[in-house]
Amino acid sequence: RAMVITELYRHSVGGNPVWKLRAL
């Protein structure tokens, strides 16, 4: 009856923050 379609999450690459996408 409810669903999380996707998440955008902050991730660190080489000490720098980047955003990634996770299809759920």
mmCIF file of all heavy atoms, coordinates in Angstrom:
data_MODEL
# 
_entry.id   MODEL 
# 
loop_
_atom_site.group_PDB 
_atom_site.id 
_atom_site.type_symbol 
_atom_site.label_atom_id 
_atom_site.label_alt_id 
_atom_site.label_comp_id 
_atom_site.label_asym_id 
_atom_site.label_entity_id 
_atom_site.label_seq_id 
_atom_site.pdbx_PDB_ins_code 
_atom_site.Cartn_x 
_atom_site.Cartn_y 
_atom_site.Cartn_z 
_atom_site.occupancy 
_atom_site.B_iso_or_equiv 
_atom_site.pdbx_formal_charge 
_atom_site.auth_seq_id 
_atom_site.auth_comp_id 
_atom_site.auth_asym_id 
_atom_site.auth_atom_id 
_atom_site.pdbx_PDB_model_num 
ATOM 1   N N   . ARG A 1 1  ? 0.826  -1.213 0.000  1.00 0.00 ? 1  ARG A N   1 
ATOM 2   C CA  . ARG A 1 1  ? 0.000  0.000  0.000  1.00 0.00 ? 1  ARG A CA  1 
ATOM 3   C C   . ARG A 1 1  ? 0.854  1.255  0.000  1.00 0.00 ? 1  ARG A C   1 
ATOM 4   O O   . ARG A 1 1  ? 0.358  2.349  -0.239 1.00 0.00 ? 1  ARG A O   1 
ATOM 5   C CB  . ARG A 1 1  ? -0.943 -0.003 1.191  1.00 0.00 ? 1  ARG A CB  1 
ATOM 6   C CG  . ARG A 1 1  ? -2.051 -1.017 1.006  1.00 0.00 ? 1  ARG A CG  1 
ATOM 7   C CD  . ARG A 1 1  ? -3.130 -0.972 2.059  1.00 0.00 ? 1  ARG A CD  1 
ATOM 8   N NE  . ARG A 1 1  ? -3.181 0.226  2.863  1.00 0.00 ? 1  ARG A NE  1 
ATOM 9   C CZ  . ARG A 1 1  ? -3.375 0.223  4.184  1.00 0.00 ? 1  ARG A CZ  1 
ATOM 10  N NH1 . ARG A 1 1  ? -3.535 -0.905 4.829  1.00 0.00 ? 1  ARG A NH1 1 
ATOM 11  N NH2 . ARG A 1 1  ? -3.420 1.348  4.843  1.00 0.00 ? 1  ARG A NH2 1 
ATOM 12  N N   . ALA A 1 2  ? 2.151  1.108  0.299  1.00 0.00 ? 2  ALA A N   1 
ATOM 13  C CA  . ALA A 1 2  ? 3.094  2.230  0.231  1.00 0.00 ? 2  ALA A CA  1 
ATOM 14  C C   . ALA A 1 2  ? 4.413  1.672  -0.278 1.00 0.00 ? 2  ALA A C   1 
ATOM 15  O O   . ALA A 1 2  ? 4.715  0.488  -0.091 1.00 0.00 ? 2  ALA A O   1 
ATOM 16  C CB  . ALA A 1 2  ? 3.283  2.869  1.601  1.00 0.00 ? 2  ALA A CB  1 
ATOM 17  N N   . MET A 1 3  ? 5.184  2.530  -0.936 1.00 0.00 ? 3  MET A N   1 
ATOM 18  C CA  . MET A 1 3  ? 6.438  2.053  -1.514 1.00 0.00 ? 3  MET A CA  1 
ATOM 19  C C   . MET A 1 3  ? 7.447  3.195  -1.606 1.00 0.00 ? 3  MET A C   1 
ATOM 20  O O   . MET A 1 3  ? 7.090  4.322  -1.942 1.00 0.00 ? 3  MET A O   1 
ATOM 21  C CB  . MET A 1 3  ? 6.181  1.512  -2.927 1.00 0.00 ? 3  MET A CB  1 
ATOM 22  C CG  . MET A 1 3  ? 7.412  0.961  -3.613 1.00 0.00 ? 3  MET A CG  1 
ATOM 23  S SD  . MET A 1 3  ? 7.116  0.472  -5.330 1.00 0.00 ? 3  MET A SD  1 
ATOM 24  C CE  . MET A 1 3  ? 5.867  -0.779 -5.163 1.00 0.00 ? 3  MET A CE  1 
ATOM 25  N N   . VAL A 1 4  ? 8.705  2.885  -1.286 1.00 0.00 ? 4  VAL A N   1 
ATOM 26  C CA  . VAL A 1 4  ? 9.802  3.799  -1.573 1.00 0.00 ? 4  VAL A CA  1 
ATOM 27  C C   . VAL A 1 4  ? 10.324 3.389  -2.944 1.00 0.00 ? 4  VAL A C   1 
ATOM 28  O O   . VAL A 1 4  ? 10.801 2.266  -3.133 1.00 0.00 ? 4  VAL A O   1 
ATOM 29  C CB  . VAL A 1 4  ? 10.923 3.730  -0.512 1.00 0.00 ? 4  VAL A CB  1 
ATOM 30  C CG1 . VAL A 1 4  ? 12.116 4.564  -0.946 1.00 0.00 ? 4  VAL A CG1 1 
ATOM 31  C CG2 . VAL A 1 4  ? 10.414 4.217  0.829  1.00 0.00 ? 4  VAL A CG2 1 
ATOM 32  N N   . ILE A 1 5  ? 10.177 4.286  -3.900 1.00 0.00 ? 5  ILE A N   1 
ATOM 33  C CA  . ILE A 1 5  ? 10.600 4.010  -5.264 1.00 0.00 ? 5  ILE A CA  1 
ATOM 34  C C   . ILE A 1 5  ? 12.125 4.036  -5.353 1.00 0.00 ? 5  ILE A C   1 
ATOM 35  O O   . ILE A 1 5  ? 12.755 3.152  -5.910 1.00 0.00 ? 5  ILE A O   1 
ATOM 36  C CB  . ILE A 1 5  ? 10.014 5.040  -6.253 1.00 0.00 ? 5  ILE A CB  1 
ATOM 37  C CG1 . ILE A 1 5  ? 8.504  5.124  -6.132 1.00 0.00 ? 5  ILE A CG1 1 
ATOM 38  C CG2 . ILE A 1 5  ? 10.455 4.738  -7.679 1.00 0.00 ? 5  ILE A CG2 1 
ATOM 39  C CD1 . ILE A 1 5  ? 7.757  3.889  -6.516 1.00 0.00 ? 5  ILE A CD1 1 
ATOM 40  N N   . THR A 1 6  ? 12.720 5.075  -4.793 1.00 0.00 ? 6  THR A N   1 
ATOM 41  C CA  . THR A 1 6  ? 14.164 5.246  -4.879 1.00 0.00 ? 6  THR A CA  1 
ATOM 42  C C   . THR A 1 6  ? 14.661 6.104  -3.722 1.00 0.00 ? 6  THR A C   1 
ATOM 43  O O   . THR A 1 6  ? 13.885 6.792  -3.072 1.00 0.00 ? 6  THR A O   1 
ATOM 44  C CB  . THR A 1 6  ? 14.553 5.894  -6.228 1.00 0.00 ? 6  THR A CB  1 
ATOM 45  O OG1 . THR A 1 6  ? 15.962 5.854  -6.409 1.00 0.00 ? 6  THR A OG1 1 
ATOM 46  C CG2 . THR A 1 6  ? 14.072 7.312  -6.330 1.00 0.00 ? 6  THR A CG2 1 
ATOM 47  N N   . GLU A 1 7  ? 15.949 6.029  -3.484 1.00 0.00 ? 7  GLU A N   1 
ATOM 48  C CA  . GLU A 1 7  ? 16.606 6.898  -2.504 1.00 0.00 ? 7  GLU A CA  1 
ATOM 49  C C   . GLU A 1 7  ? 17.791 7.576  -3.177 1.00 0.00 ? 7  GLU A C   1 
ATOM 50  O O   . GLU A 1 7  ? 18.516 6.947  -3.941 1.00 0.00 ? 7  GLU A O   1 
ATOM 51  C CB  . GLU A 1 7  ? 17.151 6.100  -1.320 1.00 0.00 ? 7  GLU A CB  1 
ATOM 52  C CG  . GLU A 1 7  ? 16.134 5.626  -0.353 1.00 0.00 ? 7  GLU A CG  1 
ATOM 53  C CD  . GLU A 1 7  ? 16.758 4.880  0.813  1.00 0.00 ? 7  GLU A CD  1 
ATOM 54  O OE1 . GLU A 1 7  ? 17.928 4.436  0.716  1.00 0.00 ? 7  GLU A OE1 1 
ATOM 55  O OE2 . GLU A 1 7  ? 16.069 4.732  1.815  1.00 0.00 ? 7  GLU A OE2 1 
ATOM 56  N N   . LEU A 1 8  ? 17.954 8.825  -2.862 1.00 0.00 ? 8  LEU A N   1 
ATOM 57  C CA  . LEU A 1 8  ? 19.163 9.559  -3.202 1.00 0.00 ? 8  LEU A CA  1 
ATOM 58  C C   . LEU A 1 8  ? 19.924 9.666  -1.892 1.00 0.00 ? 8  LEU A C   1 
ATOM 59  O O   . LEU A 1 8  ? 19.347 10.019 -0.866 1.00 0.00 ? 8  LEU A O   1 
ATOM 60  C CB  . LEU A 1 8  ? 18.819 10.947 -3.737 1.00 0.00 ? 8  LEU A CB  1 
ATOM 61  C CG  . LEU A 1 8  ? 17.985 10.930 -5.010 1.00 0.00 ? 8  LEU A CG  1 
ATOM 62  C CD1 . LEU A 1 8  ? 17.163 12.196 -5.122 1.00 0.00 ? 8  LEU A CD1 1 
ATOM 63  C CD2 . LEU A 1 8  ? 18.880 10.765 -6.208 1.00 0.00 ? 8  LEU A CD2 1 
ATOM 64  N N   . TYR A 1 9  ? 21.201 9.321  -1.907 1.00 0.00 ? 9  TYR A N   1 
ATOM 65  C CA  . TYR A 1 9  ? 21.940 9.360  -0.655 1.00 0.00 ? 9  TYR A CA  1 
ATOM 66  C C   . TYR A 1 9  ? 23.335 9.937  -0.859 1.00 0.00 ? 9  TYR A C   1 
ATOM 67  O O   . TYR A 1 9  ? 23.947 9.795  -1.906 1.00 0.00 ? 9  TYR A O   1 
ATOM 68  C CB  . TYR A 1 9  ? 22.017 7.972  -0.010 1.00 0.00 ? 9  TYR A CB  1 
ATOM 69  C CG  . TYR A 1 9  ? 22.781 6.934  -0.804 1.00 0.00 ? 9  TYR A CG  1 
ATOM 70  C CD1 . TYR A 1 9  ? 24.109 6.645  -0.510 1.00 0.00 ? 9  TYR A CD1 1 
ATOM 71  C CD2 . TYR A 1 9  ? 22.176 6.245  -1.852 1.00 0.00 ? 9  TYR A CD2 1 
ATOM 72  C CE1 . TYR A 1 9  ? 24.803 5.693  -1.240 1.00 0.00 ? 9  TYR A CE1 1 
ATOM 73  C CE2 . TYR A 1 9  ? 22.859 5.296  -2.579 1.00 0.00 ? 9  TYR A CE2 1 
ATOM 74  C CZ  . TYR A 1 9  ? 24.181 5.031  -2.260 1.00 0.00 ? 9  TYR A CZ  1 
ATOM 75  O OH  . TYR A 1 9  ? 24.878 4.086  -2.989 1.00 0.00 ? 9  TYR A OH  1 
ATOM 76  N N   . ARG A 1 10 ? 23.791 10.633 0.184  1.00 0.00 ? 10 ARG A N   1 
ATOM 77  C CA  . ARG A 1 10 ? 25.109 11.270 0.160  1.00 0.00 ? 10 ARG A CA  1 
ATOM 78  C C   . ARG A 1 10 ? 26.171 10.219 0.450  1.00 0.00 ? 10 ARG A C   1 
ATOM 79  O O   . ARG A 1 10 ? 26.031 9.423  1.368  1.00 0.00 ? 10 ARG A O   1 
ATOM 80  C CB  . ARG A 1 10 ? 25.150 12.380 1.209  1.00 0.00 ? 10 ARG A CB  1 
ATOM 81  C CG  . ARG A 1 10 ? 26.080 13.503 0.865  1.00 0.00 ? 10 ARG A CG  1 
ATOM 82  C CD  . ARG A 1 10 ? 26.059 14.577 1.943  1.00 0.00 ? 10 ARG A CD  1 
ATOM 83  N NE  . ARG A 1 10 ? 24.851 15.360 1.989  1.00 0.00 ? 10 ARG A NE  1 
ATOM 84  C CZ  . ARG A 1 10 ? 24.719 16.584 1.482  1.00 0.00 ? 10 ARG A CZ  1 
ATOM 85  N NH1 . ARG A 1 10 ? 25.720 17.146 0.866  1.00 0.00 ? 10 ARG A NH1 1 
ATOM 86  N NH2 . ARG A 1 10 ? 23.591 17.238 1.597  1.00 0.00 ? 10 ARG A NH2 1 
ATOM 87  N N   . HIS A 1 11 ? 27.212 10.229 -0.343 1.00 0.00 ? 11 HIS A N   1 
ATOM 88  C CA  . HIS A 1 11 ? 28.289 9.248  -0.238 1.00 0.00 ? 11 HIS A CA  1 
ATOM 89  C C   . HIS A 1 11 ? 29.606 10.005 -0.351 1.00 0.00 ? 11 HIS A C   1 
ATOM 90  O O   . HIS A 1 11 ? 29.674 11.056 -0.967 1.00 0.00 ? 11 HIS A O   1 
ATOM 91  C CB  . HIS A 1 11 ? 28.145 8.237  -1.384 1.00 0.00 ? 11 HIS A CB  1 
ATOM 92  C CG  . HIS A 1 11 ? 29.119 7.125  -1.360 1.00 0.00 ? 11 HIS A CG  1 
ATOM 93  N ND1 . HIS A 1 11 ? 29.069 6.095  -0.448 1.00 0.00 ? 11 HIS A ND1 1 
ATOM 94  C CD2 . HIS A 1 11 ? 30.183 6.864  -2.151 1.00 0.00 ? 11 HIS A CD2 1 
ATOM 95  C CE1 . HIS A 1 11 ? 30.046 5.251  -0.680 1.00 0.00 ? 11 HIS A CE1 1 
ATOM 96  N NE2 . HIS A 1 11 ? 30.741 5.700  -1.703 1.00 0.00 ? 11 HIS A NE2 1 
ATOM 97  N N   . SER A 1 12 ? 30.649 9.481  0.243  1.00 0.00 ? 12 SER A N   1 
ATOM 98  C CA  . SER A 1 12 ? 31.954 10.134 0.181  1.00 0.00 ? 12 SER A CA  1 
ATOM 99  C C   . SER A 1 12 ? 32.881 9.370  -0.767 1.00 0.00 ? 12 SER A C   1 
ATOM 100 O O   . SER A 1 12 ? 33.046 8.163  -0.653 1.00 0.00 ? 12 SER A O   1 
ATOM 101 C CB  . SER A 1 12 ? 32.569 10.186 1.581  1.00 0.00 ? 12 SER A CB  1 
ATOM 102 O OG  . SER A 1 12 ? 33.811 10.837 1.535  1.00 0.00 ? 12 SER A OG  1 
ATOM 103 N N   . VAL A 1 13 ? 33.451 10.099 -1.710 1.00 0.00 ? 13 VAL A N   1 
ATOM 104 C CA  . VAL A 1 13 ? 34.421 9.528  -2.652 1.00 0.00 ? 13 VAL A CA  1 
ATOM 105 C C   . VAL A 1 13 ? 35.681 10.374 -2.561 1.00 0.00 ? 13 VAL A C   1 
ATOM 106 O O   . VAL A 1 13 ? 35.668 11.556 -2.894 1.00 0.00 ? 13 VAL A O   1 
ATOM 107 C CB  . VAL A 1 13 ? 33.876 9.519  -4.100 1.00 0.00 ? 13 VAL A CB  1 
ATOM 108 C CG1 . VAL A 1 13 ? 34.941 9.038  -5.068 1.00 0.00 ? 13 VAL A CG1 1 
ATOM 109 C CG2 . VAL A 1 13 ? 32.624 8.672  -4.203 1.00 0.00 ? 13 VAL A CG2 1 
ATOM 110 N N   . GLY A 1 14 ? 36.740 9.760  -2.068 1.00 0.00 ? 14 GLY A N   1 
ATOM 111 C CA  . GLY A 1 14 ? 37.992 10.496 -1.910 1.00 0.00 ? 14 GLY A CA  1 
ATOM 112 C C   . GLY A 1 14 ? 37.865 11.670 -0.969 1.00 0.00 ? 14 GLY A C   1 
ATOM 113 O O   . GLY A 1 14 ? 38.526 12.687 -1.161 1.00 0.00 ? 14 GLY A O   1 
ATOM 114 N N   . GLY A 1 15 ? 36.999 11.534 0.024  1.00 0.00 ? 15 GLY A N   1 
ATOM 115 C CA  . GLY A 1 15 ? 36.793 12.604 0.992  1.00 0.00 ? 15 GLY A CA  1 
ATOM 116 C C   . GLY A 1 15 ? 35.834 13.683 0.526  1.00 0.00 ? 15 GLY A C   1 
ATOM 117 O O   . GLY A 1 15 ? 35.556 14.619 1.262  1.00 0.00 ? 15 GLY A O   1 
ATOM 118 N N   . ASN A 1 16 ? 35.323 13.560 -0.688 1.00 0.00 ? 16 ASN A N   1 
ATOM 119 C CA  . ASN A 1 16 ? 34.384 14.542 -1.226 1.00 0.00 ? 16 ASN A CA  1 
ATOM 120 C C   . ASN A 1 16 ? 32.975 13.956 -1.262 1.00 0.00 ? 16 ASN A C   1 
ATOM 121 O O   . ASN A 1 16 ? 32.787 12.828 -1.719 1.00 0.00 ? 16 ASN A O   1 
ATOM 122 C CB  . ASN A 1 16 ? 34.793 14.960 -2.653 1.00 0.00 ? 16 ASN A CB  1 
ATOM 123 C CG  . ASN A 1 16 ? 36.137 15.639 -2.666 1.00 0.00 ? 16 ASN A CG  1 
ATOM 124 O OD1 . ASN A 1 16 ? 36.385 16.528 -1.867 1.00 0.00 ? 16 ASN A OD1 1 
ATOM 125 N ND2 . ASN A 1 16 ? 36.998 15.213 -3.568 1.00 0.00 ? 16 ASN A ND2 1 
ATOM 126 N N   . PRO A 1 17 ? 31.986 14.726 -0.815 1.00 0.00 ? 17 PRO A N   1 
ATOM 127 C CA  . PRO A 1 17 ? 30.614 14.219 -0.850 1.00 0.00 ? 17 PRO A CA  1 
ATOM 128 C C   . PRO A 1 17 ? 30.064 14.212 -2.276 1.00 0.00 ? 17 PRO A C   1 
ATOM 129 O O   . PRO A 1 17 ? 30.249 15.161 -3.028 1.00 0.00 ? 17 PRO A O   1 
ATOM 130 C CB  . PRO A 1 17 ? 29.852 15.207 0.038  1.00 0.00 ? 17 PRO A CB  1 
ATOM 131 C CG  . PRO A 1 17 ? 30.650 16.467 -0.016 1.00 0.00 ? 17 PRO A CG  1 
ATOM 132 C CD  . PRO A 1 17 ? 32.080 16.057 -0.221 1.00 0.00 ? 17 PRO A CD  1 
ATOM 133 N N   . VAL A 1 18 ? 29.408 13.110 -2.627 1.00 0.00 ? 18 VAL A N   1 
ATOM 134 C CA  . VAL A 1 18 ? 28.703 12.986 -3.902 1.00 0.00 ? 18 VAL A CA  1 
ATOM 135 C C   . VAL A 1 18 ? 27.351 12.351 -3.615 1.00 0.00 ? 18 VAL A C   1 
ATOM 136 O O   . VAL A 1 18 ? 27.168 11.698 -2.594 1.00 0.00 ? 18 VAL A O   1 
ATOM 137 C CB  . VAL A 1 18 ? 29.480 12.126 -4.934 1.00 0.00 ? 18 VAL A CB  1 
ATOM 138 C CG1 . VAL A 1 18 ? 30.788 12.780 -5.313 1.00 0.00 ? 18 VAL A CG1 1 
ATOM 139 C CG2 . VAL A 1 18 ? 29.709 10.729 -4.416 1.00 0.00 ? 18 VAL A CG2 1 
ATOM 140 N N   . TRP A 1 19 ? 26.414 12.552 -4.500 1.00 0.00 ? 19 TRP A N   1 
ATOM 141 C CA  . TRP A 1 19 ? 25.100 11.941 -4.360 1.00 0.00 ? 19 TRP A CA  1 
ATOM 142 C C   . TRP A 1 19 ? 25.020 10.713 -5.240 1.00 0.00 ? 19 TRP A C   1 
ATOM 143 O O   . TRP A 1 19 ? 25.494 10.717 -6.372 1.00 0.00 ? 19 TRP A O   1 
ATOM 144 C CB  . TRP A 1 19 ? 24.001 12.930 -4.745 1.00 0.00 ? 19 TRP A CB  1 
ATOM 145 C CG  . TRP A 1 19 ? 23.772 13.964 -3.688 1.00 0.00 ? 19 TRP A CG  1 
ATOM 146 C CD1 . TRP A 1 19 ? 24.341 15.197 -3.611 1.00 0.00 ? 19 TRP A CD1 1 
ATOM 147 C CD2 . TRP A 1 19 ? 22.929 13.836 -2.545 1.00 0.00 ? 19 TRP A CD2 1 
ATOM 148 N NE1 . TRP A 1 19 ? 23.894 15.854 -2.487 1.00 0.00 ? 19 TRP A NE1 1 
ATOM 149 C CE2 . TRP A 1 19 ? 23.029 15.039 -1.821 1.00 0.00 ? 19 TRP A CE2 1 
ATOM 150 C CE3 . TRP A 1 19 ? 22.101 12.829 -2.063 1.00 0.00 ? 19 TRP A CE3 1 
ATOM 151 C CZ2 . TRP A 1 19 ? 22.318 15.264 -0.644 1.00 0.00 ? 19 TRP A CZ2 1 
ATOM 152 C CZ3 . TRP A 1 19 ? 21.394 13.051 -0.902 1.00 0.00 ? 19 TRP A CZ3 1 
ATOM 153 C CH2 . TRP A 1 19 ? 21.510 14.258 -0.196 1.00 0.00 ? 19 TRP A CH2 1 
ATOM 154 N N   . LYS A 1 20 ? 24.404 9.664  -4.709 1.00 0.00 ? 20 LYS A N   1 
ATOM 155 C CA  . LYS A 1 20 ? 24.182 8.435  -5.461 1.00 0.00 ? 20 LYS A CA  1 
ATOM 156 C C   . LYS A 1 20 ? 22.695 8.118  -5.441 1.00 0.00 ? 20 LYS A C   1 
ATOM 157 O O   . LYS A 1 20 ? 21.962 8.604  -4.594 1.00 0.00 ? 20 LYS A O   1 
ATOM 158 C CB  . LYS A 1 20 ? 24.968 7.270  -4.860 1.00 0.00 ? 20 LYS A CB  1 
ATOM 159 C CG  . LYS A 1 20 ? 26.460 7.393  -5.068 1.00 0.00 ? 20 LYS A CG  1 
ATOM 160 C CD  . LYS A 1 20 ? 27.146 6.095  -4.733 1.00 0.00 ? 20 LYS A CD  1 
ATOM 161 C CE  . LYS A 1 20 ? 28.592 6.150  -5.179 1.00 0.00 ? 20 LYS A CE  1 
ATOM 162 N NZ  . LYS A 1 20 ? 29.170 4.826  -5.240 1.00 0.00 ? 20 LYS A NZ  1 
ATOM 163 N N   . LEU A 1 21 ? 22.287 7.271  -6.367 1.00 0.00 ? 21 LEU A N   1 
ATOM 164 C CA  . LEU A 1 21 ? 20.890 6.880  -6.489 1.00 0.00 ? 21 LEU A CA  1 
ATOM 165 C C   . LEU A 1 21 ? 20.771 5.385  -6.283 1.00 0.00 ? 21 LEU A C   1 
ATOM 166 O O   . LEU A 1 21 ? 21.558 4.612  -6.824 1.00 0.00 ? 21 LEU A O   1 
ATOM 167 C CB  . LEU A 1 21 ? 20.380 7.235  -7.895 1.00 0.00 ? 21 LEU A CB  1 
ATOM 168 C CG  . LEU A 1 21 ? 18.959 6.830  -8.189 1.00 0.00 ? 21 LEU A CG  1 
ATOM 169 C CD1 . LEU A 1 21 ? 18.004 7.875  -7.623 1.00 0.00 ? 21 LEU A CD1 1 
ATOM 170 C CD2 . LEU A 1 21 ? 18.755 6.692  -9.680 1.00 0.00 ? 21 LEU A CD2 1 
ATOM 171 N N   . ARG A 1 22 ? 19.791 4.989  -5.491 1.00 0.00 ? 22 ARG A N   1 
ATOM 172 C CA  . ARG A 1 22 ? 19.524 3.568  -5.241 1.00 0.00 ? 22 ARG A CA  1 
ATOM 173 C C   . ARG A 1 22 ? 18.074 3.292  -5.621 1.00 0.00 ? 22 ARG A C   1 
ATOM 174 O O   . ARG A 1 22 ? 17.150 3.869  -5.053 1.00 0.00 ? 22 ARG A O   1 
ATOM 175 C CB  . ARG A 1 22 ? 19.741 3.273  -3.753 1.00 0.00 ? 22 ARG A CB  1 
ATOM 176 C CG  . ARG A 1 22 ? 19.446 1.862  -3.345 1.00 0.00 ? 22 ARG A CG  1 
ATOM 177 C CD  . ARG A 1 22 ? 19.619 1.653  -1.834 1.00 0.00 ? 22 ARG A CD  1 
ATOM 178 N NE  . ARG A 1 22 ? 20.979 1.943  -1.423 1.00 0.00 ? 22 ARG A NE  1 
ATOM 179 C CZ  . ARG A 1 22 ? 21.305 2.682  -0.360 1.00 0.00 ? 22 ARG A CZ  1 
ATOM 180 N NH1 . ARG A 1 22 ? 20.389 3.207  0.416  1.00 0.00 ? 22 ARG A NH1 1 
ATOM 181 N NH2 . ARG A 1 22 ? 22.565 2.892  -0.056 1.00 0.00 ? 22 ARG A NH2 1 
ATOM 182 N N   . ALA A 1 23 ? 17.862 2.436  -6.626 1.00 0.00 ? 23 ALA A N   1 
ATOM 183 C CA  . ALA A 1 23 ? 16.508 2.029  -7.002 1.00 0.00 ? 23 ALA A CA  1 
ATOM 184 C C   . ALA A 1 23 ? 16.059 0.966  -6.009 1.00 0.00 ? 23 ALA A C   1 
ATOM 185 O O   . ALA A 1 23 ? 16.774 0.001  -5.766 1.00 0.00 ? 23 ALA A O   1 
ATOM 186 C CB  . ALA A 1 23 ? 16.502 1.469  -8.419 1.00 0.00 ? 23 ALA A CB  1 
ATOM 187 N N   . LEU A 1 24 ? 14.883 1.142  -5.436 1.00 0.00 ? 24 LEU A N   1 
ATOM 188 C CA  . LEU A 1 24 ? 14.444 0.220  -4.393 1.00 0.00 ? 24 LEU A CA  1 
ATOM 189 C C   . LEU A 1 24 ? 13.187 -0.563 -4.759 1.00 0.00 ? 24 LEU A C   1 
ATOM 190 O O   . LEU A 1 24 ? 13.216 -1.779 -4.827 1.00 0.00 ? 24 LEU A O   1 
ATOM 191 C CB  . LEU A 1 24 ? 14.199 0.974  -3.077 1.00 0.00 ? 24 LEU A CB  1 
ATOM 192 C CG  . LEU A 1 24 ? 15.443 1.518  -2.399 1.00 0.00 ? 24 LEU A CG  1 
ATOM 193 C CD1 . LEU A 1 24 ? 15.065 2.346  -1.186 1.00 0.00 ? 24 LEU A CD1 1 
ATOM 194 C CD2 . LEU A 1 24 ? 16.353 0.398  -1.991 1.00 0.00 ? 24 LEU A CD2 1 
# 
